[in-house]
Amino acid sequence: FLLSPASHWIKGADIAIDGGMGAFNQSDAMGLETLRMPAQ
């Protein structure tokens, strides 16, 4: 997709493809548990 013209406005970006691993670790490091929606 990034090679194709369809992504023409994406420039200078780094895109993580990690199944959410980076988000999990960032949430842990920043203590973001309080931002989560209540369990349902």
Full PDB file with SEQRES, HELIX, SHEET, SSBOND, CRYST1, ORIGX, SCALE, CONECT and MASTER records, all heavy atoms in Angstrom:
SEQRES   1 A   40  PHE LEU LEU SER PRO ALA SER HIS TRP ILE LYS GLY ALA          
SEQRES   2 A   40  ASP ILE ALA ILE ASP GLY GLY MET GLY ALA PHE ASN GLN          
SEQRES   3 A   40  SER ASP ALA MET GLY LEU GLU THR LEU ARG MET PRO ALA          
SEQRES   4 A   40  GLN                                                          
HELIX    1 AA1 PRO A    5  SER A    7  5                                   3    
HELIX    2 AA2 MET A   21  MET A   30  1                                  10    
HELIX    3 AA3 LEU A   32  LEU A   35  5                                   4    
CRYST1    1.000    1.000    1.000  90.00  90.00  90.00 P 1           1          
ORIGX1      1.000000  0.000000  0.000000        0.00000                         
ORIGX2      0.000000  1.000000  0.000000        0.00000                         
ORIGX3      0.000000  0.000000  1.000000        0.00000                         
SCALE1      1.000000  0.000000  0.000000        0.00000                         
SCALE2      0.000000  1.000000  0.000000        0.00000                         
SCALE3      0.000000  0.000000  1.000000        0.00000                         
ATOM      1  N   PHE A   1       0.827  -1.201   0.000  1.00  0.00           N  
ATOM      2  CA  PHE A   1       0.000   0.000   0.000  1.00  0.00           C  
ATOM      3  C   PHE A   1       0.868   1.261   0.000  1.00  0.00           C  
ATOM      4  O   PHE A   1       0.612   2.209  -0.752  1.00  0.00           O  
ATOM      5  CB  PHE A   1      -0.929  -0.001   1.213  1.00  0.00           C  
ATOM      6  CG  PHE A   1      -1.665   1.292   1.427  1.00  0.00           C  
ATOM      7  CD1 PHE A   1      -2.661   1.704   0.549  1.00  0.00           C  
ATOM      8  CD2 PHE A   1      -1.360   2.114   2.503  1.00  0.00           C  
ATOM      9  CE1 PHE A   1      -3.336   2.912   0.738  1.00  0.00           C  
ATOM     10  CE2 PHE A   1      -2.024   3.321   2.703  1.00  0.00           C  
ATOM     11  CZ  PHE A   1      -3.016   3.711   1.811  1.00  0.00           C  
ATOM     12  N   LEU A   2       1.914   1.289   0.830  1.00  0.00           N  
ATOM     13  CA  LEU A   2       2.784   2.456   0.895  1.00  0.00           C  
ATOM     14  C   LEU A   2       3.558   2.670  -0.401  1.00  0.00           C  
ATOM     15  O   LEU A   2       3.914   3.805  -0.733  1.00  0.00           O  
ATOM     16  CB  LEU A   2       3.761   2.338   2.058  1.00  0.00           C  
ATOM     17  CG  LEU A   2       3.238   2.665   3.449  1.00  0.00           C  
ATOM     18  CD1 LEU A   2       4.352   2.566   4.470  1.00  0.00           C  
ATOM     19  CD2 LEU A   2       2.606   4.050   3.495  1.00  0.00           C  
ATOM     20  N   LEU A   3       3.840   1.594  -1.125  1.00  0.00           N  
ATOM     21  CA  LEU A   3       4.504   1.727  -2.414  1.00  0.00           C  
ATOM     22  C   LEU A   3       3.560   2.297  -3.473  1.00  0.00           C  
ATOM     23  O   LEU A   3       3.995   2.960  -4.416  1.00  0.00           O  
ATOM     24  CB  LEU A   3       5.025   0.365  -2.895  1.00  0.00           C  
ATOM     25  CG  LEU A   3       6.274  -0.186  -2.194  1.00  0.00           C  
ATOM     26  CD1 LEU A   3       6.538  -1.615  -2.666  1.00  0.00           C  
ATOM     27  CD2 LEU A   3       7.499   0.697  -2.463  1.00  0.00           C  
ATOM     28  N   SER A   4       2.277   2.053  -3.308  1.00  0.00           N  
ATOM     29  CA  SER A   4       1.305   2.392  -4.341  1.00  0.00           C  
ATOM     30  C   SER A   4       0.916   3.875  -4.306  1.00  0.00           C  
ATOM     31  O   SER A   4       1.025   4.536  -3.269  1.00  0.00           O  
ATOM     32  CB  SER A   4       0.040   1.546  -4.163  1.00  0.00           C  
ATOM     33  OG  SER A   4      -0.757   2.054  -3.110  1.00  0.00           O  
ATOM     34  N   PRO A   5       0.418   4.408  -5.422  1.00  0.00           N  
ATOM     35  CA  PRO A   5      -0.042   5.799  -5.463  1.00  0.00           C  
ATOM     36  C   PRO A   5      -1.207   6.072  -4.513  1.00  0.00           C  
ATOM     37  O   PRO A   5      -1.461   7.226  -4.165  1.00  0.00           O  
ATOM     38  CB  PRO A   5      -0.478   5.982  -6.920  1.00  0.00           C  
ATOM     39  CG  PRO A   5       0.256   4.936  -7.691  1.00  0.00           C  
ATOM     40  CD  PRO A   5       0.373   3.774  -6.762  1.00  0.00           C  
ATOM     41  N   ALA A   6      -1.908   5.020  -4.076  1.00  0.00           N  
ATOM     42  CA  ALA A   6      -3.054   5.203  -3.179  1.00  0.00           C  
ATOM     43  C   ALA A   6      -2.655   5.831  -1.851  1.00  0.00           C  
ATOM     44  O   ALA A   6      -3.480   6.434  -1.165  1.00  0.00           O  
ATOM     45  CB  ALA A   6      -3.751   3.870  -2.941  1.00  0.00           C  
ATOM     46  N   SER A   7      -1.386   5.722  -1.479  1.00  0.00           N  
ATOM     47  CA  SER A   7      -0.913   6.270  -0.200  1.00  0.00           C  
ATOM     48  C   SER A   7      -0.183   7.594  -0.395  1.00  0.00           C  
ATOM     49  O   SER A   7       0.680   7.964   0.409  1.00  0.00           O  
ATOM     50  CB  SER A   7       0.016   5.265   0.485  1.00  0.00           C  
ATOM     51  OG  SER A   7       1.164   5.006  -0.315  1.00  0.00           O  
ATOM     52  N   HIS A   8      -0.534   8.328  -1.429  1.00  0.00           N  
ATOM     53  CA  HIS A   8       0.250   9.476  -1.875  1.00  0.00           C  
ATOM     54  C   HIS A   8       0.418  10.585  -0.838  1.00  0.00           C  
ATOM     55  O   HIS A   8       1.348  11.381  -0.930  1.00  0.00           O  
ATOM     56  CB  HIS A   8      -0.375  10.070  -3.150  1.00  0.00           C  
ATOM     57  CG  HIS A   8      -1.728  10.660  -2.935  1.00  0.00           C  
ATOM     58  ND1 HIS A   8      -2.879   9.890  -2.954  1.00  0.00           N  
ATOM     59  CD2 HIS A   8      -2.125  11.934  -2.685  1.00  0.00           C  
ATOM     60  CE1 HIS A   8      -3.915  10.677  -2.734  1.00  0.00           C  
ATOM     61  NE2 HIS A   8      -3.497  11.910  -2.571  1.00  0.00           N  
ATOM     62  N   TRP A   9      -0.447  10.690   0.167  1.00  0.00           N  
ATOM     63  CA  TRP A   9      -0.345  11.763   1.148  1.00  0.00           C  
ATOM     64  C   TRP A   9       0.345  11.322   2.438  1.00  0.00           C  
ATOM     65  O   TRP A   9       0.439  12.087   3.405  1.00  0.00           O  
ATOM     66  CB  TRP A   9      -1.721  12.370   1.426  1.00  0.00           C  
ATOM     67  CG  TRP A   9      -1.684  13.735   2.035  1.00  0.00           C  
ATOM     68  CD1 TRP A   9      -2.266  14.124   3.208  1.00  0.00           C  
ATOM     69  CD2 TRP A   9      -1.031  14.922   1.531  1.00  0.00           C  
ATOM     70  NE1 TRP A   9      -2.030  15.456   3.468  1.00  0.00           N  
ATOM     71  CE2 TRP A   9      -1.269  15.981   2.438  1.00  0.00           C  
ATOM     72  CE3 TRP A   9      -0.270  15.184   0.389  1.00  0.00           C  
ATOM     73  CZ2 TRP A   9      -0.775  17.263   2.260  1.00  0.00           C  
ATOM     74  CZ3 TRP A   9       0.219  16.470   0.201  1.00  0.00           C  
ATOM     75  CH2 TRP A   9      -0.037  17.476   1.126  1.00  0.00           C  
ATOM     76  N   ILE A  10       0.848  10.101   2.464  1.00  0.00           N  
ATOM     77  CA  ILE A  10       1.610   9.620   3.623  1.00  0.00           C  
ATOM     78  C   ILE A  10       3.082   9.837   3.323  1.00  0.00           C  
ATOM     79  O   ILE A  10       3.645   9.210   2.418  1.00  0.00           O  
ATOM     80  CB  ILE A  10       1.323   8.133   3.918  1.00  0.00           C  
ATOM     81  CG1 ILE A  10      -0.168   7.907   4.132  1.00  0.00           C  
ATOM     82  CG2 ILE A  10       2.115   7.681   5.145  1.00  0.00           C  
ATOM     83  CD1 ILE A  10      -0.548   6.454   4.357  1.00  0.00           C  
ATOM     84  N   LYS A  11       3.728  10.723   4.096  1.00  0.00           N  
ATOM     85  CA  LYS A  11       5.110  11.109   3.822  1.00  0.00           C  
ATOM     86  C   LYS A  11       5.868  11.293   5.128  1.00  0.00           C  
ATOM     87  O   LYS A  11       5.414  12.008   6.017  1.00  0.00           O  
ATOM     88  CB  LYS A  11       5.144  12.412   3.011  1.00  0.00           C  
ATOM     89  CG  LYS A  11       4.365  12.346   1.709  1.00  0.00           C  
ATOM     90  CD  LYS A  11       4.315  13.679   0.994  1.00  0.00           C  
ATOM     91  CE  LYS A  11       3.451  13.578  -0.264  1.00  0.00           C  
ATOM     92  NZ  LYS A  11       3.423  14.851  -1.039  1.00  0.00           N  
ATOM     93  N   GLY A  12       7.015  10.642   5.246  1.00  0.00           N  
ATOM     94  CA  GLY A  12       7.849  10.792   6.427  1.00  0.00           C  
ATOM     95  C   GLY A  12       7.293  10.141   7.672  1.00  0.00           C  
ATOM     96  O   GLY A  12       7.695  10.471   8.786  1.00  0.00           O  
ATOM     97  N   ALA A  13       6.403   9.180   7.506  1.00  0.00           N  
ATOM     98  CA  ALA A  13       5.758   8.534   8.657  1.00  0.00           C  
ATOM     99  C   ALA A  13       6.431   7.206   9.005  1.00  0.00           C  
ATOM    100  O   ALA A  13       7.024   6.556   8.146  1.00  0.00           O  
ATOM    101  CB  ALA A  13       4.286   8.293   8.358  1.00  0.00           C  
ATOM    102  N   ASP A  14       6.334   6.829  10.276  1.00  0.00           N  
ATOM    103  CA  ASP A  14       6.697   5.473  10.698  1.00  0.00           C  
ATOM    104  C   ASP A  14       5.428   4.793  11.184  1.00  0.00           C  
ATOM    105  O   ASP A  14       4.736   5.325  12.053  1.00  0.00           O  
ATOM    106  CB  ASP A  14       7.732   5.487  11.829  1.00  0.00           C  
ATOM    107  CG  ASP A  14       8.067   4.074  12.285  1.00  0.00           C  
ATOM    108  OD1 ASP A  14       8.726   3.348  11.517  1.00  0.00           O  
ATOM    109  OD2 ASP A  14       7.655   3.693  13.406  1.00  0.00           O  
ATOM    110  N   ILE A  15       5.112   3.653  10.600  1.00  0.00           N  
ATOM    111  CA  ILE A  15       3.872   2.943  10.917  1.00  0.00           C  
ATOM    112  C   ILE A  15       4.202   1.635  11.629  1.00  0.00           C  
ATOM    113  O   ILE A  15       4.910   0.785  11.088  1.00  0.00           O  
ATOM    114  CB  ILE A  15       3.066   2.662   9.637  1.00  0.00           C  
ATOM    115  CG1 ILE A  15       2.718   3.985   8.936  1.00  0.00           C  
ATOM    116  CG2 ILE A  15       1.803   1.866   9.959  1.00  0.00           C  
ATOM    117  CD1 ILE A  15       2.075   3.819   7.584  1.00  0.00           C  
ATOM    118  N   ALA A  16       3.708   1.503  12.854  1.00  0.00           N  
ATOM    119  CA  ALA A  16       3.925   0.269  13.619  1.00  0.00           C  
ATOM    120  C   ALA A  16       2.940  -0.800  13.164  1.00  0.00           C  
ATOM    121  O   ALA A  16       1.747  -0.529  12.999  1.00  0.00           O  
ATOM    122  CB  ALA A  16       3.751   0.536  15.112  1.00  0.00           C  
ATOM    123  N   ILE A  17       3.451  -2.003  12.959  1.00  0.00           N  
ATOM    124  CA  ILE A  17       2.606  -3.157  12.617  1.00  0.00           C  
ATOM    125  C   ILE A  17       2.961  -4.242  13.622  1.00  0.00           C  
ATOM    126  O   ILE A  17       3.811  -5.102  13.380  1.00  0.00           O  
ATOM    127  CB  ILE A  17       2.872  -3.639  11.171  1.00  0.00           C  
ATOM    128  CG1 ILE A  17       2.838  -2.467  10.194  1.00  0.00           C  
ATOM    129  CG2 ILE A  17       1.849  -4.694  10.764  1.00  0.00           C  
ATOM    130  CD1 ILE A  17       3.268  -2.831   8.799  1.00  0.00           C  
ATOM    131  N   ASP A  18       2.317  -4.178  14.783  1.00  0.00           N  
ATOM    132  CA  ASP A  18       2.757  -5.027  15.895  1.00  0.00           C  
ATOM    133  C   ASP A  18       1.607  -5.634  16.690  1.00  0.00           C  
ATOM    134  O   ASP A  18       1.792  -6.077  17.821  1.00  0.00           O  
ATOM    135  CB  ASP A  18       3.662  -4.225  16.833  1.00  0.00           C  
ATOM    136  CG  ASP A  18       2.964  -3.014  17.449  1.00  0.00           C  
ATOM    137  OD1 ASP A  18       1.737  -2.864  17.248  1.00  0.00           O  
ATOM    138  OD2 ASP A  18       3.644  -2.221  18.127  1.00  0.00           O  
ATOM    139  N   GLY A  19       0.404  -5.651  16.115  1.00  0.00           N  
ATOM    140  CA  GLY A  19      -0.721  -6.258  16.814  1.00  0.00           C  
ATOM    141  C   GLY A  19      -1.121  -5.543  18.091  1.00  0.00           C  
ATOM    142  O   GLY A  19      -1.822  -6.116  18.929  1.00  0.00           O  
ATOM    143  N   GLY A  20      -0.666  -4.293  18.257  1.00  0.00           N  
ATOM    144  CA  GLY A  20      -1.007  -3.534  19.455  1.00  0.00           C  
ATOM    145  C   GLY A  20       0.045  -3.564  20.547  1.00  0.00           C  
ATOM    146  O   GLY A  20      -0.129  -2.930  21.597  1.00  0.00           O  
ATOM    147  N   MET A  21       1.159  -4.268  20.320  1.00  0.00           N  
ATOM    148  CA  MET A  21       2.176  -4.415  21.369  1.00  0.00           C  
ATOM    149  C   MET A  21       2.700  -3.073  21.857  1.00  0.00           C  
ATOM    150  O   MET A  21       2.873  -2.852  23.059  1.00  0.00           O  
ATOM    151  CB  MET A  21       3.332  -5.273  20.854  1.00  0.00           C  
ATOM    152  CG  MET A  21       2.950  -6.693  20.498  1.00  0.00           C  
ATOM    153  SD  MET A  21       4.358  -7.598  19.811  1.00  0.00           S  
ATOM    154  CE  MET A  21       3.520  -9.051  19.132  1.00  0.00           C  
ATOM    155  N   GLY A  22       2.965  -2.171  20.927  1.00  0.00           N  
ATOM    156  CA  GLY A  22       3.463  -0.854  21.315  1.00  0.00           C  
ATOM    157  C   GLY A  22       2.456  -0.098  22.159  1.00  0.00           C  
ATOM    158  O   GLY A  22       2.822   0.567  23.144  1.00  0.00           O  
ATOM    159  N   ALA A  23       1.179  -0.191  21.790  1.00  0.00           N  
ATOM    160  CA  ALA A  23       0.131   0.484  22.553  1.00  0.00           C  
ATOM    161  C   ALA A  23       0.017  -0.094  23.962  1.00  0.00           C  
ATOM    162  O   ALA A  23      -0.151   0.653  24.938  1.00  0.00           O  
ATOM    163  CB  ALA A  23      -1.206   0.366  21.833  1.00  0.00           C  
ATOM    164  N   PHE A  24       0.108  -1.410  24.075  1.00  0.00           N  
ATOM    165  CA  PHE A  24       0.014  -2.040  25.395  1.00  0.00           C  
ATOM    166  C   PHE A  24       1.120  -1.506  26.310  1.00  0.00           C  
ATOM    167  O   PHE A  24       0.881  -1.137  27.464  1.00  0.00           O  
ATOM    168  CB  PHE A  24       0.161  -3.558  25.297  1.00  0.00           C  
ATOM    169  CG  PHE A  24      -0.787  -4.232  24.337  1.00  0.00           C  
ATOM    170  CD1 PHE A  24      -0.446  -5.449  23.756  1.00  0.00           C  
ATOM    171  CD2 PHE A  24      -2.006  -3.663  23.999  1.00  0.00           C  
ATOM    172  CE1 PHE A  24      -1.309  -6.077  22.874  1.00  0.00           C  
ATOM    173  CE2 PHE A  24      -2.868  -4.283  23.123  1.00  0.00           C  
ATOM    174  CZ  PHE A  24      -2.513  -5.498  22.550  1.00  0.00           C  
ATOM    175  N   ASN A  25       2.354  -1.480  25.778  1.00  0.00           N  
ATOM    176  CA  ASN A  25       3.495  -1.053  26.586  1.00  0.00           C  
ATOM    177  C   ASN A  25       3.425   0.437  26.912  1.00  0.00           C  
ATOM    178  O   ASN A  25       3.791   0.850  28.014  1.00  0.00           O  
ATOM    179  CB  ASN A  25       4.801  -1.370  25.844  1.00  0.00           C  
ATOM    180  CG  ASN A  25       5.056  -2.862  25.747  1.00  0.00           C  
ATOM    181  OD1 ASN A  25       4.593  -3.629  26.572  1.00  0.00           O  
ATOM    182  ND2 ASN A  25       5.778  -3.280  24.726  1.00  0.00           N  
ATOM    183  N   GLN A  26       2.955   1.221  25.965  1.00  0.00           N  
ATOM    184  CA  GLN A  26       2.828   2.658  26.209  1.00  0.00           C  
ATOM    185  C   GLN A  26       1.770   2.932  27.276  1.00  0.00           C  
ATOM    186  O   GLN A  26       1.947   3.779  28.153  1.00  0.00           O  
ATOM    187  CB  GLN A  26       2.469   3.382  24.911  1.00  0.00           C  
ATOM    188  CG  GLN A  26       2.532   4.897  25.017  1.00  0.00           C  
ATOM    189  CD  GLN A  26       2.344   5.576  23.678  1.00  0.00           C  
ATOM    190  OE1 GLN A  26       1.755   5.022  22.761  1.00  0.00           O  
ATOM    191  NE2 GLN A  26       2.831   6.799  23.564  1.00  0.00           N  
ATOM    192  N   SER A  27       0.673   2.203  27.221  1.00  0.00           N  
ATOM    193  CA  SER A  27      -0.374   2.350  28.227  1.00  0.00           C  
ATOM    194  C   SER A  27       0.155   2.001  29.612  1.00  0.00           C  
ATOM    195  O   SER A  27      -0.109   2.711  30.592  1.00  0.00           O  
ATOM    196  CB  SER A  27      -1.565   1.450  27.874  1.00  0.00           C  
ATOM    197  OG  SER A  27      -2.556   1.529  28.874  1.00  0.00           O  
ATOM    198  N   ASP A  28       0.933   0.914  29.673  1.00  0.00           N  
ATOM    199  CA  ASP A  28       1.527   0.516  30.957  1.00  0.00           C  
ATOM    200  C   ASP A  28       2.457   1.605  31.480  1.00  0.00           C  
ATOM    201  O   ASP A  28       2.389   1.997  32.657  1.00  0.00           O  
ATOM    202  CB  ASP A  28       2.316  -0.784  30.798  1.00  0.00           C  
ATOM    203  CG  ASP A  28       1.436  -1.987  30.510  1.00  0.00           C  
ATOM    204  OD1 ASP A  28       0.203  -1.881  30.672  1.00  0.00           O  
ATOM    205  OD2 ASP A  28       1.988  -3.036  30.113  1.00  0.00           O  
ATOM    206  N   ALA A  29       3.337   2.104  30.610  1.00  0.00           N  
ATOM    207  CA  ALA A  29       4.352   3.068  31.024  1.00  0.00           C  
ATOM    208  C   ALA A  29       3.747   4.393  31.477  1.00  0.00           C  
ATOM    209  O   ALA A  29       4.264   5.050  32.388  1.00  0.00           O  
ATOM    210  CB  ALA A  29       5.326   3.308  29.870  1.00  0.00           C  
ATOM    211  N   MET A  30       2.635   4.780  30.858  1.00  0.00           N  
ATOM    212  CA  MET A  30       2.018   6.073  31.167  1.00  0.00           C  
ATOM    213  C   MET A  30       0.881   5.962  32.173  1.00  0.00           C  
ATOM    214  O   MET A  30       0.276   6.966  32.548  1.00  0.00           O  
ATOM    215  CB  MET A  30       1.498   6.715  29.869  1.00  0.00           C  
ATOM    216  CG  MET A  30       2.596   7.007  28.861  1.00  0.00           C  
ATOM    217  SD  MET A  30       1.958   7.663  27.300  1.00  0.00           S  
ATOM    218  CE  MET A  30       1.375   9.276  27.829  1.00  0.00           C  
ATOM    219  N   GLY A  31       0.591   4.744  32.622  1.00  0.00           N  
ATOM    220  CA  GLY A  31      -0.471   4.551  33.604  1.00  0.00           C  
ATOM    221  C   GLY A  31      -1.825   4.984  33.096  1.00  0.00           C  
ATOM    222  O   GLY A  31      -2.561   5.718  33.773  1.00  0.00           O  
ATOM    223  N   LEU A  32      -2.177   4.523  31.910  1.00  0.00           N  
ATOM    224  CA  LEU A  32      -3.411   4.983  31.262  1.00  0.00           C  
ATOM    225  C   LEU A  32      -4.644   4.148  31.606  1.00  0.00           C  
ATOM    226  O   LEU A  32      -5.687   4.309  30.982  1.00  0.00           O  
ATOM    227  CB  LEU A  32      -3.222   4.998  29.737  1.00  0.00           C  
ATOM    228  CG  LEU A  32      -2.099   5.887  29.204  1.00  0.00           C  
ATOM    229  CD1 LEU A  32      -2.074   5.847  27.685  1.00  0.00           C  
ATOM    230  CD2 LEU A  32      -2.269   7.330  29.697  1.00  0.00           C  
ATOM    231  N   GLU A  33      -4.521   3.282  32.608  1.00  0.00           N  
ATOM    232  CA  GLU A  33      -5.639   2.399  32.932  1.00  0.00           C  
ATOM    233  C   GLU A  33      -6.927   3.165  33.223  1.00  0.00           C  
ATOM    234  O   GLU A  33      -8.030   2.717  32.903  1.00  0.00           O  
ATOM    235  CB  GLU A  33      -5.283   1.522  34.138  1.00  0.00           C  
ATOM    236  CG  GLU A  33      -4.153   0.533  33.895  1.00  0.00           C  
ATOM    237  CD  GLU A  33      -2.785   1.157  34.115  1.00  0.00           C  
ATOM    238  OE1 GLU A  33      -2.707   2.377  34.362  1.00  0.00           O  
ATOM    239  OE2 GLU A  33      -1.785   0.415  34.021  1.00  0.00           O  
ATOM    240  N   THR A  34      -6.796   4.358  33.829  1.00  0.00           N  
ATOM    241  CA  THR A  34      -7.990   5.124  34.202  1.00  0.00           C  
ATOM    242  C   THR A  34      -8.755   5.658  32.991  1.00  0.00           C  
ATOM    243  O   THR A  34      -9.914   6.060  33.118  1.00  0.00           O  
ATOM    244  CB  THR A  34      -7.605   6.316  35.106  1.00  0.00           C  
ATOM    245  OG1 THR A  34      -6.657   7.134  34.412  1.00  0.00           O  
ATOM    246  CG2 THR A  34      -6.990   5.826  36.407  1.00  0.00           C  
ATOM    247  N   LEU A  35      -8.119   5.659  31.829  1.00  0.00           N  
ATOM    248  CA  LEU A  35      -8.783   6.141  30.618  1.00  0.00           C  
ATOM    249  C   LEU A  35      -9.632   5.062  29.948  1.00  0.00           C  
ATOM    250  O   LEU A  35     -10.403   5.371  29.040  1.00  0.00           O  
ATOM    251  CB  LEU A  35      -7.747   6.650  29.610  1.00  0.00           C  
ATOM    252  CG  LEU A  35      -6.930   7.874  30.035  1.00  0.00           C  
ATOM    253  CD1 LEU A  35      -5.929   8.238  28.953  1.00  0.00           C  
ATOM    254  CD2 LEU A  35      -7.847   9.056  30.302  1.00  0.00           C  
ATOM    255  N   ARG A  36      -9.472   3.828  30.408  1.00  0.00           N  
ATOM    256  CA  ARG A  36     -10.205   2.741  29.779  1.00  0.00           C  
ATOM    257  C   ARG A  36     -11.692   2.809  30.124  1.00  0.00           C  
ATOM    258  O   ARG A  36     -12.067   3.225  31.216  1.00  0.00           O  
ATOM    259  CB  ARG A  36      -9.634   1.392  30.213  1.00  0.00           C  
ATOM    260  CG  ARG A  36      -8.197   1.163  29.756  1.00  0.00           C  
ATOM    261  CD  ARG A  36      -7.614  -0.099  30.337  1.00  0.00           C  
ATOM    262  NE  ARG A  36      -6.203  -0.213  29.998  1.00  0.00           N  
ATOM    263  CZ  ARG A  36      -5.359  -1.039  30.613  1.00  0.00           C  
ATOM    264  NH1 ARG A  36      -5.783  -1.797  31.623  1.00  0.00           N  
ATOM    265  NH2 ARG A  36      -4.092  -1.078  30.250  1.00  0.00           N  
ATOM    266  N   MET A  37     -12.509   2.358  29.184  1.00  0.00           N  
ATOM    267  CA  MET A  37     -13.946   2.283  29.441  1.00  0.00           C  
ATOM    268  C   MET A  37     -14.216   1.246  30.516  1.00  0.00           C  
ATOM    269  O   MET A  37     -13.497   0.240  30.599  1.00  0.00           O  
ATOM    270  CB  MET A  37     -14.686   1.913  28.147  1.00  0.00           C  
ATOM    271  CG  MET A  37     -14.648   3.007  27.091  1.00  0.00           C  
ATOM    272  SD  MET A  37     -15.627   2.580  25.639  1.00  0.00           S  
ATOM    273  CE  MET A  37     -14.613   1.287  24.931  1.00  0.00           C  
ATOM    274  N   PRO A  38     -15.219   1.450  31.323  1.00  0.00           N  
ATOM    275  CA  PRO A  38     -15.549   0.451  32.354  1.00  0.00           C  
ATOM    276  C   PRO A  38     -15.855  -0.896  31.717  1.00  0.00           C  
ATOM    277  O   PRO A  38     -16.422  -0.967  30.619  1.00  0.00           O  
ATOM    278  CB  PRO A  38     -16.808   1.044  33.015  1.00  0.00           C  
ATOM    279  CG  PRO A  38     -16.767   2.496  32.701  1.00  0.00           C  
ATOM    280  CD  PRO A  38     -16.114   2.614  31.362  1.00  0.00           C  
ATOM    281  N   ALA A  39     -15.465  -1.939  32.415  1.00  0.00           N  
ATOM    282  CA  ALA A  39     -15.751  -3.290  31.904  1.00  0.00           C  
ATOM    283  C   ALA A  39     -17.245  -3.508  31.833  1.00  0.00           C  
ATOM    284  O   ALA A  39     -18.011  -3.069  32.697  1.00  0.00           O  
ATOM    285  CB  ALA A  39     -15.106  -4.328  32.830  1.00  0.00           C  
ATOM    286  N   GLN A  40     -17.667  -4.162  30.755  1.00  0.00           N  
ATOM    287  CA  GLN A  40     -19.067  -4.452  30.571  1.00  0.00           C  
ATOM    288  C   GLN A  40     -19.259  -5.951  30.323  1.00  0.00           C  
ATOM    289  O   GLN A  40     -18.383  -6.628  29.809  1.00  0.00           O  
ATOM    290  CB  GLN A  40     -19.623  -3.673  29.367  1.00  0.00           C  
ATOM    291  CG  GLN A  40     -19.593  -2.163  29.562  1.00  0.00           C  
ATOM    292  CD  GLN A  40     -20.121  -1.429  28.358  1.00  0.00           C  
ATOM    293  OE1 GLN A  40     -20.223  -1.989  27.285  1.00  0.00           O  
ATOM    294  NE2 GLN A  40     -20.473  -0.162  28.544  1.00  0.00           N  
TER     295      GLN A  40                                                      
MASTER        0    0    0    3    0    0    0    6  294    1    0    4          
END                                                                             
